[in-house]
Amino acid sequence: MESSSSSYEDLIYQKIKEAGEKGIPLKELIKELGLDSRTANLAIRKLMNKKVIRKSSVKENGKTVVKYFINEEPTLITVNLDNIIEIPCFTCKNLTKCGNGSVVSPTTCTYLSKFILMNIKGAS
């Protein structure tokens, strides 16, 4: 019984994946796969518990329809912050006093000006 339940989960997952961003309502899912509602609901509940799919209410033609969607895997983005460490503001003892209109400000800071000029020359 477990293997057939697993295959139903696979079938349902594939059908929801095929529907893409527009999702698929339960009635359509059951009809297209030829499953009885009890079997489909059991497999859907298992997929939702695994957080593989999600359901969401969507307005269509003035009616609220519950649709199922695939939960996309989060994409890992790596950002290199090595160059940020060189910015003088991060190690400045006056950082808390610094601001536009203050005695210490980015427009009057000699350390920041030198840093910017050196990096402009290095970039060209």
PDB file of N, CA and C in Angstrom:
ATOM      1  N   MET A   1       0.831  -1.194   0.000  1.00  0.00           N
ATOM      2  CA  MET A   1       0.000   0.000   0.000  1.00  0.00           C
ATOM      3  C   MET A   1       0.870   1.250   0.000  1.00  0.00           C
ATOM      4  N   GLU A   2       1.969   1.233   0.749  1.00  0.00           N
ATOM      5  CA  GLU A   2       2.840   2.410   0.846  1.00  0.00           C
ATOM      6  C   GLU A   2       3.434   2.790  -0.499  1.00  0.00           C
ATOM      7  N   SER A   3       3.835   1.797  -1.301  1.00  0.00           N
ATOM      8  CA  SER A   3       4.438   2.090  -2.596  1.00  0.00           C
ATOM      9  C   SER A   3       3.431   2.727  -3.544  1.00  0.00           C
ATOM     10  N   SER A   4       2.160   2.285  -3.508  1.00  0.00           N
ATOM     11  CA  SER A   4       1.147   2.889  -4.372  1.00  0.00           C
ATOM     12  C   SER A   4       0.850   4.313  -3.920  1.00  0.00           C
ATOM     13  N   SER A   5       0.857   4.540  -2.605  1.00  0.00           N
ATOM     14  CA  SER A   5       0.651   5.887  -2.078  1.00  0.00           C
ATOM     15  C   SER A   5       1.771   6.807  -2.540  1.00  0.00           C
ATOM     16  N   SER A   6       2.981   6.272  -2.527  1.00  0.00           N
ATOM     17  CA  SER A   6       4.140   7.042  -2.973  1.00  0.00           C
ATOM     18  C   SER A   6       4.044   7.358  -4.464  1.00  0.00           C
ATOM     19  N   SER A   7       3.561   6.403  -5.250  1.00  0.00           N
ATOM     20  CA  SER A   7       3.433   6.654  -6.687  1.00  0.00           C
ATOM     21  C   SER A   7       2.339   7.690  -6.957  1.00  0.00           C
ATOM     22  N   TYR A   8       1.274   7.698  -6.135  1.00  0.00           N
ATOM     23  CA  TYR A   8       0.246   8.731  -6.266  1.00  0.00           C
ATOM     24  C   TYR A   8       0.837  10.103  -5.945  1.00  0.00           C
ATOM     25  N   GLU A   9       1.679  10.135  -4.930  1.00  0.00           N
ATOM     26  CA  GLU A   9       2.345  11.396  -4.585  1.00  0.00           C
ATOM     27  C   GLU A   9       3.183  11.885  -5.759  1.00  0.00           C
ATOM     28  N   ASP A  10       3.909  10.964  -6.390  1.00  0.00           N
ATOM     29  CA  ASP A  10       4.734  11.331  -7.549  1.00  0.00           C
ATOM     30  C   ASP A  10       3.879  11.856  -8.697  1.00  0.00           C
ATOM     31  N   LEU A  11       2.766  11.163  -8.966  1.00  0.00           N
ATOM     32  CA  LEU A  11       1.862  11.590 -10.042  1.00  0.00           C
ATOM     33  C   LEU A  11       1.301  12.987  -9.769  1.00  0.00           C
ATOM     34  N   ILE A  12       0.845  13.194  -8.544  1.00  0.00           N
ATOM     35  CA  ILE A  12       0.264  14.483  -8.167  1.00  0.00           C
ATOM     36  C   ILE A  12       1.319  15.575  -8.225  1.00  0.00           C
ATOM     37  N   TYR A  13       2.500  15.278  -7.710  1.00  0.00           N
ATOM     38  CA  TYR A  13       3.592  16.257  -7.752  1.00  0.00           C
ATOM     39  C   TYR A  13       3.893  16.669  -9.194  1.00  0.00           C
ATOM     40  N   GLN A  14       4.004  15.700 -10.096  1.00  0.00           N
ATOM     41  CA  GLN A  14       4.308  15.989 -11.502  1.00  0.00           C
ATOM     42  C   GLN A  14       3.211  16.831 -12.144  1.00  0.00           C
ATOM     43  N   LYS A  15       1.958  16.525 -11.832  1.00  0.00           N
ATOM     44  CA  LYS A  15       0.834  17.263 -12.417  1.00  0.00           C
ATOM     45  C   LYS A  15       0.830  18.708 -11.920  1.00  0.00           C
ATOM     46  N   ILE A  16       1.109  18.906 -10.643  1.00  0.00           N
ATOM     47  CA  ILE A  16       1.157  20.263 -10.086  1.00  0.00           C
ATOM     48  C   ILE A  16       2.340  21.016 -10.683  1.00  0.00           C
ATOM     49  N   LYS A  17       3.445  20.319 -10.859  1.00  0.00           N
ATOM     50  CA  LYS A  17       4.633  20.935 -11.456  1.00  0.00           C
ATOM     51  C   LYS A  17       4.348  21.368 -12.896  1.00  0.00           C
ATOM     52  N   GLU A  18       3.631  20.531 -13.648  1.00  0.00           N
ATOM     53  CA  GLU A  18       3.266  20.863 -15.030  1.00  0.00           C
ATOM     54  C   GLU A  18       2.380  22.106 -15.093  1.00  0.00           C
ATOM     55  N   ALA A  19       1.541  22.297 -14.077  1.00  0.00           N
ATOM     56  CA  ALA A  19       0.640  23.453 -14.048  1.00  0.00           C
ATOM     57  C   ALA A  19       1.420  24.752 -13.883  1.00  0.00           C
ATOM     58  N   GLY A  20       2.596  24.653 -13.286  1.00  0.00           N
ATOM     59  CA  GLY A  20       3.472  25.818 -13.149  1.00  0.00           C
ATOM     60  C   GLY A  20       2.924  26.891 -12.226  1.00  0.00           C
ATOM     61  N   GLU A  21       3.157  28.154 -12.605  1.00  0.00           N
ATOM     62  CA  GLU A  21       2.796  29.293 -11.760  1.00  0.00           C
ATOM     63  C   GLU A  21       1.295  29.491 -11.628  1.00  0.00           C
ATOM     64  N   LYS A  22       0.515  28.966 -12.582  1.00  0.00           N
ATOM     65  CA  LYS A  22      -0.935  29.161 -12.502  1.00  0.00           C
ATOM     66  C   LYS A  22      -1.589  28.191 -11.520  1.00  0.00           C
ATOM     67  N   GLY A  23      -0.881  27.141 -11.113  1.00  0.00           N
ATOM     68  CA  GLY A  23      -1.413  26.187 -10.149  1.00  0.00           C
ATOM     69  C   GLY A  23      -2.493  25.305 -10.754  1.00  0.00           C
ATOM     70  N   ILE A  24      -3.026  24.408  -9.916  1.00  0.00           N
ATOM     71  CA  ILE A  24      -4.074  23.492 -10.389  1.00  0.00           C
ATOM     72  C   ILE A  24      -5.074  23.239  -9.259  1.00  0.00           C
ATOM     73  N   PRO A  25      -6.379  23.360  -9.561  1.00  0.00           N
ATOM     74  CA  PRO A  25      -7.395  23.080  -8.539  1.00  0.00           C
ATOM     75  C   PRO A  25      -7.510  21.576  -8.266  1.00  0.00           C
ATOM     76  N   LEU A  26      -7.997  21.227  -7.095  1.00  0.00           N
ATOM     77  CA  LEU A  26      -8.127  19.822  -6.696  1.00  0.00           C
ATOM     78  C   LEU A  26      -9.023  19.039  -7.657  1.00  0.00           C
ATOM     79  N   LYS A  27     -10.157  19.621  -8.039  1.00  0.00           N
ATOM     80  CA  LYS A  27     -11.081  18.920  -8.950  1.00  0.00           C
ATOM     81  C   LYS A  27     -10.395  18.541 -10.256  1.00  0.00           C
ATOM     82  N   GLU A  28      -9.655  19.478 -10.802  1.00  0.00           N
ATOM     83  CA  GLU A  28      -8.953  19.232 -12.066  1.00  0.00           C
ATOM     84  C   GLU A  28      -7.877  18.159 -11.889  1.00  0.00           C
ATOM     85  N   LEU A  29      -7.183  18.222 -10.759  1.00  0.00           N
ATOM     86  CA  LEU A  29      -6.136  17.247 -10.450  1.00  0.00           C
ATOM     87  C   LEU A  29      -6.720  15.833 -10.386  1.00  0.00           C
ATOM     88  N   ILE A  30      -7.826  15.685  -9.666  1.00  0.00           N
ATOM     89  CA  ILE A  30      -8.483  14.385  -9.519  1.00  0.00           C
ATOM     90  C   ILE A  30      -8.978  13.879 -10.871  1.00  0.00           C
ATOM     91  N   LYS A  31      -9.590  14.781 -11.639  1.00  0.00           N
ATOM     92  CA  LYS A  31     -10.154  14.402 -12.941  1.00  0.00           C
ATOM     93  C   LYS A  31      -9.063  13.947 -13.909  1.00  0.00           C
ATOM     94  N   GLU A  32      -7.978  14.726 -13.987  1.00  0.00           N
ATOM     95  CA  GLU A  32      -6.912  14.414 -14.944  1.00  0.00           C
ATOM     96  C   GLU A  32      -6.156  13.133 -14.591  1.00  0.00           C
ATOM     97  N   LEU A  33      -6.022  12.853 -13.304  1.00  0.00           N
ATOM     98  CA  LEU A  33      -5.281  11.659 -12.892  1.00  0.00           C
ATOM     99  C   LEU A  33      -6.174  10.440 -12.709  1.00  0.00           C
ATOM    100  N   GLY A  34      -7.487  10.654 -12.700  1.00  0.00           N
ATOM    101  CA  GLY A  34      -8.414   9.537 -12.536  1.00  0.00           C
ATOM    102  C   GLY A  34      -8.374   8.919 -11.150  1.00  0.00           C
ATOM    103  N   LEU A  35      -8.113   9.740 -10.136  1.00  0.00           N
ATOM    104  CA  LEU A  35      -8.048   9.249  -8.754  1.00  0.00           C
ATOM    105  C   LEU A  35      -9.347   9.543  -8.025  1.00  0.00           C
ATOM    106  N   ASP A  36      -9.635   8.751  -6.978  1.00  0.00           N
ATOM    107  CA  ASP A  36     -10.769   9.101  -6.128  1.00  0.00           C
ATOM    108  C   ASP A  36     -10.296  10.186  -5.156  1.00  0.00           C
ATOM    109  N   SER A  37     -11.234  10.977  -4.654  1.00  0.00           N
ATOM    110  CA  SER A  37     -10.865  12.143  -3.845  1.00  0.00           C
ATOM    111  C   SER A  37     -10.146  11.758  -2.552  1.00  0.00           C
ATOM    112  N   ARG A  38     -10.504  10.616  -1.951  1.00  0.00           N
ATOM    113  CA  ARG A  38      -9.852  10.196  -0.703  1.00  0.00           C
ATOM    114  C   ARG A  38      -8.363   9.927  -0.933  1.00  0.00           C
ATOM    115  N   THR A  39      -8.049   9.191  -1.987  1.00  0.00           N
ATOM    116  CA  THR A  39      -6.657   8.864  -2.317  1.00  0.00           C
ATOM    117  C   THR A  39      -5.871  10.130  -2.645  1.00  0.00           C
ATOM    118  N   ALA A  40      -6.488  11.006  -3.440  1.00  0.00           N
ATOM    119  CA  ALA A  40      -5.822  12.254  -3.828  1.00  0.00           C
ATOM    120  C   ALA A  40      -5.560  13.130  -2.608  1.00  0.00           C
ATOM    121  N   ASN A  41      -6.561  13.265  -1.735  1.00  0.00           N
ATOM    122  CA  ASN A  41      -6.401  14.094  -0.536  1.00  0.00           C
ATOM    123  C   ASN A  41      -5.322  13.553   0.393  1.00  0.00           C
ATOM    124  N   LEU A  42      -5.244  12.239   0.519  1.00  0.00           N
ATOM    125  CA  LEU A  42      -4.220  11.619   1.359  1.00  0.00           C
ATOM    126  C   LEU A  42      -2.819  11.917   0.815  1.00  0.00           C
ATOM    127  N   ALA A  43      -2.648  11.740  -0.493  1.00  0.00           N
ATOM    128  CA  ALA A  43      -1.346  12.005  -1.117  1.00  0.00           C
ATOM    129  C   ALA A  43      -0.998  13.493  -1.041  1.00  0.00           C
ATOM    130  N   ILE A  44      -1.986  14.358  -1.247  1.00  0.00           N
ATOM    131  CA  ILE A  44      -1.756  15.807  -1.171  1.00  0.00           C
ATOM    132  C   ILE A  44      -1.349  16.201   0.243  1.00  0.00           C
ATOM    133  N   ARG A  45      -2.032  15.639   1.237  1.00  0.00           N
ATOM    134  CA  ARG A  45      -1.697  15.945   2.633  1.00  0.00           C
ATOM    135  C   ARG A  45      -0.252  15.545   2.940  1.00  0.00           C
ATOM    136  N   LYS A  46       0.165  14.377   2.435  1.00  0.00           N
ATOM    137  CA  LYS A  46       1.550  13.929   2.650  1.00  0.00           C
ATOM    138  C   LYS A  46       2.544  14.884   1.992  1.00  0.00           C
ATOM    139  N   LEU A  47       2.235  15.315   0.764  1.00  0.00           N
ATOM    140  CA  LEU A  47       3.125  16.253   0.064  1.00  0.00           C
ATOM    141  C   LEU A  47       3.188  17.599   0.786  1.00  0.00           C
ATOM    142  N   MET A  48       2.050  18.033   1.330  1.00  0.00           N
ATOM    143  CA  MET A  48       2.035  19.306   2.065  1.00  0.00           C
ATOM    144  C   MET A  48       2.807  19.187   3.379  1.00  0.00           C
ATOM    145  N   ASN A  49       2.704  18.044   4.049  1.00  0.00           N
ATOM    146  CA  ASN A  49       3.460  17.827   5.289  1.00  0.00           C
ATOM    147  C   ASN A  49       4.962  17.829   5.029  1.00  0.00           C
ATOM    148  N   LYS A  50       5.348  17.344   3.849  1.00  0.00           N
ATOM    149  CA  LYS A  50       6.766  17.359   3.461  1.00  0.00           C
ATOM    150  C   LYS A  50       7.188  18.737   2.952  1.00  0.00           C
ATOM    151  N   LYS A  51       6.219  19.658   2.861  1.00  0.00           N
ATOM    152  CA  LYS A  51       6.447  21.022   2.366  1.00  0.00           C
ATOM    153  C   LYS A  51       6.945  21.054   0.921  1.00  0.00           C
ATOM    154  N   VAL A  52       6.497  20.079   0.142  1.00  0.00           N
ATOM    155  CA  VAL A  52       6.860  19.999  -1.271  1.00  0.00           C
ATOM    156  C   VAL A  52       5.877  20.816  -2.106  1.00  0.00           C
ATOM    157  N   ILE A  53       4.610  20.837  -1.647  1.00  0.00           N
ATOM    158  CA  ILE A  53       3.591  21.633  -2.328  1.00  0.00           C
ATOM    159  C   ILE A  53       2.902  22.526  -1.304  1.00  0.00           C
ATOM    160  N   ARG A  54       2.156  23.498  -1.820  1.00  0.00           N
ATOM    161  CA  ARG A  54       1.364  24.375  -0.947  1.00  0.00           C
ATOM    162  C   ARG A  54       0.038  24.641  -1.630  1.00  0.00           C
ATOM    163  N   LYS A  55      -0.958  25.015  -0.828  1.00  0.00           N
ATOM    164  CA  LYS A  55      -2.229  25.393  -1.429  1.00  0.00           C
ATOM    165  C   LYS A  55      -2.474  26.860  -1.132  1.00  0.00           C
ATOM    166  N   SER A  56      -3.175  27.491  -2.060  1.00  0.00           N
ATOM    167  CA  SER A  56      -3.430  28.913  -1.931  1.00  0.00           C
ATOM    168  C   SER A  56      -4.777  29.240  -2.560  1.00  0.00           C
ATOM    169  N   SER A  57      -5.502  30.172  -1.948  1.00  0.00           N
ATOM    170  CA  SER A  57      -6.775  30.624  -2.505  1.00  0.00           C
ATOM    171  C   SER A  57      -6.507  31.706  -3.537  1.00  0.00           C
ATOM    172  N   VAL A  58      -7.106  31.538  -4.721  1.00  0.00           N
ATOM    173  CA  VAL A  58      -6.887  32.457  -5.833  1.00  0.00           C
ATOM    174  C   VAL A  58      -8.245  32.881  -6.377  1.00  0.00           C
ATOM    175  N   LYS A  59      -8.391  34.180  -6.699  1.00  0.00           N
ATOM    176  CA  LYS A  59      -9.623  34.684  -7.310  1.00  0.00           C
ATOM    177  C   LYS A  59      -9.571  34.438  -8.806  1.00  0.00           C
ATOM    178  N   GLU A  60     -10.595  33.765  -9.328  1.00  0.00           N
ATOM    179  CA  GLU A  60     -10.723  33.530 -10.766  1.00  0.00           C
ATOM    180  C   GLU A  60     -12.165  33.764 -11.167  1.00  0.00           C
ATOM    181  N   ASN A  61     -12.374  34.691 -12.083  1.00  0.00           N
ATOM    182  CA  ASN A  61     -13.724  35.019 -12.566  1.00  0.00           C
ATOM    183  C   ASN A  61     -14.674  35.332 -11.415  1.00  0.00           C
ATOM    184  N   GLY A  62     -14.183  36.049 -10.418  1.00  0.00           N
ATOM    185  CA  GLY A  62     -15.005  36.440  -9.279  1.00  0.00           C
ATOM    186  C   GLY A  62     -15.206  35.357  -8.235  1.00  0.00           C
ATOM    187  N   LYS A  63     -14.672  34.175  -8.464  1.00  0.00           N
ATOM    188  CA  LYS A  63     -14.807  33.074  -7.506  1.00  0.00           C
ATOM    189  C   LYS A  63     -13.459  32.786  -6.860  1.00  0.00           C
ATOM    190  N   THR A  64     -13.501  32.348  -5.608  1.00  0.00           N
ATOM    191  CA  THR A  64     -12.281  31.940  -4.926  1.00  0.00           C
ATOM    192  C   THR A  64     -12.065  30.449  -5.175  1.00  0.00           C
ATOM    193  N   VAL A  65     -10.905  30.137  -5.731  1.00  0.00           N
ATOM    194  CA  VAL A  65     -10.564  28.753  -6.058  1.00  0.00           C
ATOM    195  C   VAL A  65      -9.305  28.376  -5.288  1.00  0.00           C
ATOM    196  N   VAL A  66      -9.320  27.198  -4.656  1.00  0.00           N
ATOM    197  CA  VAL A  66      -8.130  26.702  -3.964  1.00  0.00           C
ATOM    198  C   VAL A  66      -7.293  25.946  -4.985  1.00  0.00           C
ATOM    199  N   LYS A  67      -6.051  26.390  -5.128  1.00  0.00           N
ATOM    200  CA  LYS A  67      -5.147  25.748  -6.087  1.00  0.00           C
ATOM    201  C   LYS A  67      -3.903  25.249  -5.365  1.00  0.00           C
ATOM    202  N   TYR A  68      -3.251  24.284  -5.988  1.00  0.00           N
ATOM    203  CA  TYR A  68      -2.022  23.716  -5.445  1.00  0.00           C
ATOM    204  C   TYR A  68      -0.841  24.144  -6.303  1.00  0.00           C
ATOM    205  N   PHE A  69       0.262  24.464  -5.630  1.00  0.00           N
ATOM    206  CA  PHE A  69       1.471  24.943  -6.284  1.00  0.00           C
ATOM    207  C   PHE A  69       2.676  24.189  -5.738  1.00  0.00           C
ATOM    208  N   ILE A  70       3.733  24.138  -6.538  1.00  0.00           N
ATOM    209  CA  ILE A  70       5.003  23.552  -6.105  1.00  0.00           C
ATOM    210  C   ILE A  70       5.734  24.579  -5.247  1.00  0.00           C
ATOM    211  N   ASN A  71       6.318  24.134  -4.148  1.00  0.00           N
ATOM    212  CA  ASN A  71       7.198  24.999  -3.357  1.00  0.00           C
ATOM    213  C   ASN A  71       8.577  24.941  -3.986  1.00  0.00           C
ATOM    214  N   GLU A  72       9.022  26.053  -4.514  1.00  0.00           N
ATOM    215  CA  GLU A  72      10.337  26.097  -5.153  1.00  0.00           C
ATOM    216  C   GLU A  72      11.428  26.041  -4.097  1.00  0.00           C
ATOM    217  N   GLU A  73      12.519  25.412  -4.448  1.00  0.00           N
ATOM    218  CA  GLU A  73      13.676  25.368  -3.561  1.00  0.00           C
ATOM    219  C   GLU A  73      14.289  26.761  -3.505  1.00  0.00           C
ATOM    220  N   PRO A  74      14.634  27.232  -2.319  1.00  0.00           N
ATOM    221  CA  PRO A  74      15.270  28.550  -2.250  1.00  0.00           C
ATOM    222  C   PRO A  74      16.625  28.526  -2.955  1.00  0.00           C
ATOM    223  N   THR A  75      16.904  29.583  -3.676  1.00  0.00           N
ATOM    224  CA  THR A  75      18.161  29.690  -4.400  1.00  0.00           C
ATOM    225  C   THR A  75      19.196  30.337  -3.493  1.00  0.00           C
ATOM    226  N   LEU A  76      20.341  29.728  -3.412  1.00  0.00           N
ATOM    227  CA  LEU A  76      21.421  30.255  -2.593  1.00  0.00           C
ATOM    228  C   LEU A  76      22.239  31.229  -3.424  1.00  0.00           C
ATOM    229  N   ILE A  77      22.333  32.459  -2.943  1.00  0.00           N
ATOM    230  CA  ILE A  77      23.108  33.484  -3.637  1.00  0.00           C
ATOM    231  C   ILE A  77      24.329  33.797  -2.782  1.00  0.00           C
ATOM    232  N   THR A  78      25.492  33.714  -3.383  1.00  0.00           N
ATOM    233  CA  THR A  78      26.733  34.002  -2.677  1.00  0.00           C
ATOM    234  C   THR A  78      27.230  35.376  -3.096  1.00  0.00           C
ATOM    235  N   VAL A  79      27.533  36.192  -2.109  1.00  0.00           N
ATOM    236  CA  VAL A  79      28.030  37.538  -2.369  1.00  0.00           C
ATOM    237  C   VAL A  79      29.399  37.669  -1.717  1.00  0.00           C
ATOM    238  N   ASN A  80      30.374  38.094  -2.486  1.00  0.00           N
ATOM    239  CA  ASN A  80      31.720  38.288  -1.971  1.00  0.00           C
ATOM    240  C   ASN A  80      31.811  39.673  -1.328  1.00  0.00           C
ATOM    241  N   LEU A  81      32.111  39.716  -0.043  1.00  0.00           N
ATOM    242  CA  LEU A  81      32.181  40.979   0.688  1.00  0.00           C
ATOM    243  C   LEU A  81      33.615  41.389   1.024  1.00  0.00           C
ATOM    244  N   ASP A  82      34.597  40.757   0.395  1.00  0.00           N
ATOM    245  CA  ASP A  82      35.992  41.055   0.707  1.00  0.00           C
ATOM    246  C   ASP A  82      36.332  42.529   0.502  1.00  0.00           C
ATOM    247  N   ASN A  83      35.849  43.141  -0.567  1.00  0.00           N
ATOM    248  CA  ASN A  83      36.184  44.536  -0.858  1.00  0.00           C
ATOM    249  C   ASN A  83      35.519  45.526   0.091  1.00  0.00           C
ATOM    250  N   ILE A  84      34.428  45.136   0.705  1.00  0.00           N
ATOM    251  CA  ILE A  84      33.725  46.027   1.632  1.00  0.00           C
ATOM    252  C   ILE A  84      34.568  46.306   2.869  1.00  0.00           C
ATOM    253  N   ILE A  85      35.368  45.349   3.275  1.00  0.00           N
ATOM    254  CA  ILE A  85      36.191  45.491   4.480  1.00  0.00           C
ATOM    255  C   ILE A  85      37.150  46.673   4.355  1.00  0.00           C
ATOM    256  N   GLU A  86      37.544  46.989   3.134  1.00  0.00           N
ATOM    257  CA  GLU A  86      38.489  48.084   2.907  1.00  0.00           C
ATOM    258  C   GLU A  86      37.867  49.470   3.073  1.00  0.00           C
ATOM    259  N   ILE A  87      36.557  49.585   3.043  1.00  0.00           N
ATOM    260  CA  ILE A  87      35.905  50.894   3.172  1.00  0.00           C
ATOM    261  C   ILE A  87      36.200  51.445   4.567  1.00  0.00           C
ATOM    262  N   PRO A  88      36.739  52.651   4.640  1.00  0.00           N
ATOM    263  CA  PRO A  88      37.170  53.201   5.927  1.00  0.00           C
ATOM    264  C   PRO A  88      36.036  53.411   6.931  1.00  0.00           C
ATOM    265  N   CYS A  89      34.839  53.585   6.487  1.00  0.00           N
ATOM    266  CA  CYS A  89      33.714  53.842   7.392  1.00  0.00           C
ATOM    267  C   CYS A  89      33.499  52.697   8.388  1.00  0.00           C
ATOM    268  N   PHE A  90      33.792  51.459   7.967  1.00  0.00           N
ATOM    269  CA  PHE A  90      33.532  50.310   8.828  1.00  0.00           C
ATOM    270  C   PHE A  90      34.476  50.226  10.025  1.00  0.00           C
ATOM    271  N   THR A  91      35.612  50.879   9.944  1.00  0.00           N
ATOM    272  CA  THR A  91      36.555  50.851  11.069  1.00  0.00           C
ATOM    273  C   THR A  91      36.736  52.231  11.697  1.00  0.00           C
ATOM    274  N   CYS A  92      35.929  53.192  11.292  1.00  0.00           N
ATOM    275  CA  CYS A  92      36.077  54.573  11.767  1.00  0.00           C
ATOM    276  C   CYS A  92      35.524  54.737  13.183  1.00  0.00           C
ATOM    277  N   LYS A  93      36.297  55.411  14.024  1.00  0.00           N
ATOM    278  CA  LYS A  93      35.860  55.648  15.402  1.00  0.00           C
ATOM    279  C   LYS A  93      34.783  56.728  15.476  1.00  0.00           C
ATOM    280  N   ASN A  94      34.624  57.517  14.407  1.00  0.00           N
ATOM    281  CA  ASN A  94      33.620  58.585  14.381  1.00  0.00           C
ATOM    282  C   ASN A  94      32.327  58.183  13.669  1.00  0.00           C
ATOM    283  N   LEU A  95      32.164  56.918  13.380  1.00  0.00           N
ATOM    284  CA  LEU A  95      31.004  56.457  12.613  1.00  0.00           C
ATOM    285  C   LEU A  95      29.678  56.867  13.252  1.00  0.00           C
ATOM    286  N   THR A  96      29.587  56.795  14.575  1.00  0.00           N
ATOM    287  CA  THR A  96      28.325  57.140  15.245  1.00  0.00           C
ATOM    288  C   THR A  96      28.045  58.637  15.200  1.00  0.00           C
ATOM    289  N   LYS A  97      29.082  59.449  15.013  1.00  0.00           N
ATOM    290  CA  LYS A  97      28.920  60.910  14.949  1.00  0.00           C
ATOM    291  C   LYS A  97      28.769  61.403  13.514  1.00  0.00           C
ATOM    292  N   CYS A  98      29.033  60.538  12.549  1.00  0.00           N
ATOM    293  CA  CYS A  98      29.077  60.918  11.143  1.00  0.00           C
ATOM    294  C   CYS A  98      27.678  61.032  10.547  1.00  0.00           C
ATOM    295  N   GLY A  99      27.480  62.041   9.728  1.00  0.00           N
ATOM    296  CA  GLY A  99      26.205  62.199   9.033  1.00  0.00           C
ATOM    297  C   GLY A  99      26.171  63.518   8.291  1.00  0.00           C
ATOM    298  N   ASN A 100      25.285  63.643   7.326  1.00  0.00           N
ATOM    299  CA  ASN A 100      25.162  64.891   6.581  1.00  0.00           C
ATOM    300  C   ASN A 100      24.750  66.015   7.518  1.00  0.00           C
ATOM    301  N   GLY A 101      25.460  67.130   7.445  1.00  0.00           N
ATOM    302  CA  GLY A 101      25.177  68.270   8.308  1.00  0.00           C
ATOM    303  C   GLY A 101      25.924  68.230   9.627  1.00  0.00           C
ATOM    304  N   SER A 102      26.577  67.123   9.956  1.00  0.00           N
ATOM    305  CA  SER A 102      27.353  67.021  11.196  1.00  0.00           C
ATOM    306  C   SER A 102      28.760  67.544  10.951  1.00  0.00           C
ATOM    307  N   VAL A 103      29.500  67.752  12.048  1.00  0.00           N
ATOM    308  CA  VAL A 103      30.895  68.182  11.930  1.00  0.00           C
ATOM    309  C   VAL A 103      31.677  67.118  11.163  1.00  0.00           C
ATOM    310  N   VAL A 104      31.445  65.859  11.502  1.00  0.00           N
ATOM    311  CA  VAL A 104      32.059  64.749  10.780  1.00  0.00           C
ATOM    312  C   VAL A 104      31.008  64.242   9.789  1.00  0.00           C
ATOM    313  N   SER A 105      31.307  64.307   8.505  1.00  0.00           N
ATOM    314  CA  SER A 105      30.336  63.868   7.497  1.00  0.00           C
ATOM    315  C   SER A 105      31.066  63.218   6.326  1.00  0.00           C
ATOM    316  N   PRO A 106      30.368  62.434   5.518  1.00  0.00           N
ATOM    317  CA  PRO A 106      30.999  61.802   4.358  1.00  0.00           C
ATOM    318  C   PRO A 106      31.581  62.829   3.378  1.00  0.00           C
ATOM    319  N   THR A 107      30.993  64.008   3.312  1.00  0.00           N
ATOM    320  CA  THR A 107      31.489  65.023   2.366  1.00  0.00           C
ATOM    321  C   THR A 107      32.785  65.675   2.828  1.00  0.00           C
ATOM    322  N   THR A 108      33.063  65.650   4.134  1.00  0.00           N
ATOM    323  CA  THR A 108      34.294  66.276   4.644  1.00  0.00           C
ATOM    324  C   THR A 108      35.339  65.263   5.107  1.00  0.00           C
ATOM    325  N   CYS A 109      35.042  63.985   4.999  1.00  0.00           N
ATOM    326  CA  CYS A 109      35.940  62.942   5.505  1.00  0.00           C
ATOM    327  C   CYS A 109      37.123  62.732   4.559  1.00  0.00           C
ATOM    328  N   THR A 110      38.329  62.965   5.066  1.00  0.00           N
ATOM    329  CA  THR A 110      39.535  62.790   4.245  1.00  0.00           C
ATOM    330  C   THR A 110      39.822  61.308   3.980  1.00  0.00           C
ATOM    331  N   TYR A 111      39.508  60.444   4.953  1.00  0.00           N
ATOM    332  CA  TYR A 111      39.744  59.004   4.774  1.00  0.00           C
ATOM    333  C   TYR A 111      38.874  58.447   3.641  1.00  0.00           C
ATOM    334  N   LEU A 112      37.603  58.836   3.641  1.00  0.00           N
ATOM    335  CA  LEU A 112      36.689  58.368   2.601  1.00  0.00           C
ATOM    336  C   LEU A 112      37.081  58.933   1.238  1.00  0.00           C
ATOM    337  N   SER A 113      37.468  60.200   1.211  1.00  0.00           N
ATOM    338  CA  SER A 113      37.891  60.825  -0.054  1.00  0.00           C
ATOM    339  C   SER A 113      39.110  60.114  -0.629  1.00  0.00           C
ATOM    340  N   LYS A 114      40.111  59.827   0.212  1.00  0.00           N
ATOM    341  CA  LYS A 114      41.313  59.116  -0.246  1.00  0.00           C
ATOM    342  C   LYS A 114      40.950  57.728  -0.775  1.00  0.00           C
ATOM    343  N   PHE A 115      40.078  57.039  -0.047  1.00  0.00           N
ATOM    344  CA  PHE A 115      39.657  55.697  -0.452  1.00  0.00           C
ATOM    345  C   PHE A 115      38.991  55.734  -1.828  1.00  0.00           C
ATOM    346  N   ILE A 116      38.091  56.672  -2.015  1.00  0.00           N
ATOM    347  CA  ILE A 116      37.378  56.778  -3.295  1.00  0.00           C
ATOM    348  C   ILE A 116      38.346  57.107  -4.422  1.00  0.00           C
ATOM    349  N   LEU A 117      39.228  58.072  -4.203  1.00  0.00           N
ATOM    350  CA  LEU A 117      40.185  58.461  -5.242  1.00  0.00           C
ATOM    351  C   LEU A 117      41.124  57.313  -5.601  1.00  0.00           C
ATOM    352  N   MET A 118      41.583  56.562  -4.608  1.00  0.00           N
ATOM    353  CA  MET A 118      42.475  55.431  -4.874  1.00  0.00           C
ATOM    354  C   MET A 118      41.755  54.340  -5.670  1.00  0.00           C
ATOM    355  N   ASN A 119      40.496  54.113  -5.370  1.00  0.00           N
ATOM    356  CA  ASN A 119      39.746  53.073  -6.070  1.00  0.00           C
ATOM    357  C   ASN A 119      39.339  53.499  -7.469  1.00  0.00           C
ATOM    358  N   ILE A 120      39.145  54.787  -7.677  1.00  0.00           N
ATOM    359  CA  ILE A 120      38.848  55.270  -9.032  1.00  0.00           C
ATOM    360  C   ILE A 120      40.090  55.116  -9.900  1.00  0.00           C
ATOM    361  N   LYS A 121      41.244  55.469  -9.361  1.00  0.00           N
ATOM    362  CA  LYS A 121      42.497  55.337 -10.110  1.00  0.00           C
ATOM    363  C   LYS A 121      42.806  53.868 -10.386  1.00  0.00           C
ATOM    364  N   GLY A 122      42.527  53.003  -9.410  1.00  0.00           N
ATOM    365  CA  GLY A 122      42.799  51.572  -9.561  1.00  0.00           C
ATOM    366  C   GLY A 122      41.860  50.907 -10.550  1.00  0.00           C
ATOM    367  N   ALA A 123      40.650  51.446 -10.687  1.00  0.00           N
ATOM    368  CA  ALA A 123      39.664  50.846 -11.585  1.00  0.00           C
ATOM    369  C   ALA A 123      39.913  51.223 -13.039  1.00  0.00           C
ATOM    370  N   SER A 124      40.535  52.373 -13.278  1.00  0.00           N
ATOM    371  CA  SER A 124      40.732  52.799 -14.673  1.00  0.00           C
ATOM    372  C   SER A 124      42.019  52.334 -15.265  1.00  0.00           C
TER     373      SER A 124
END
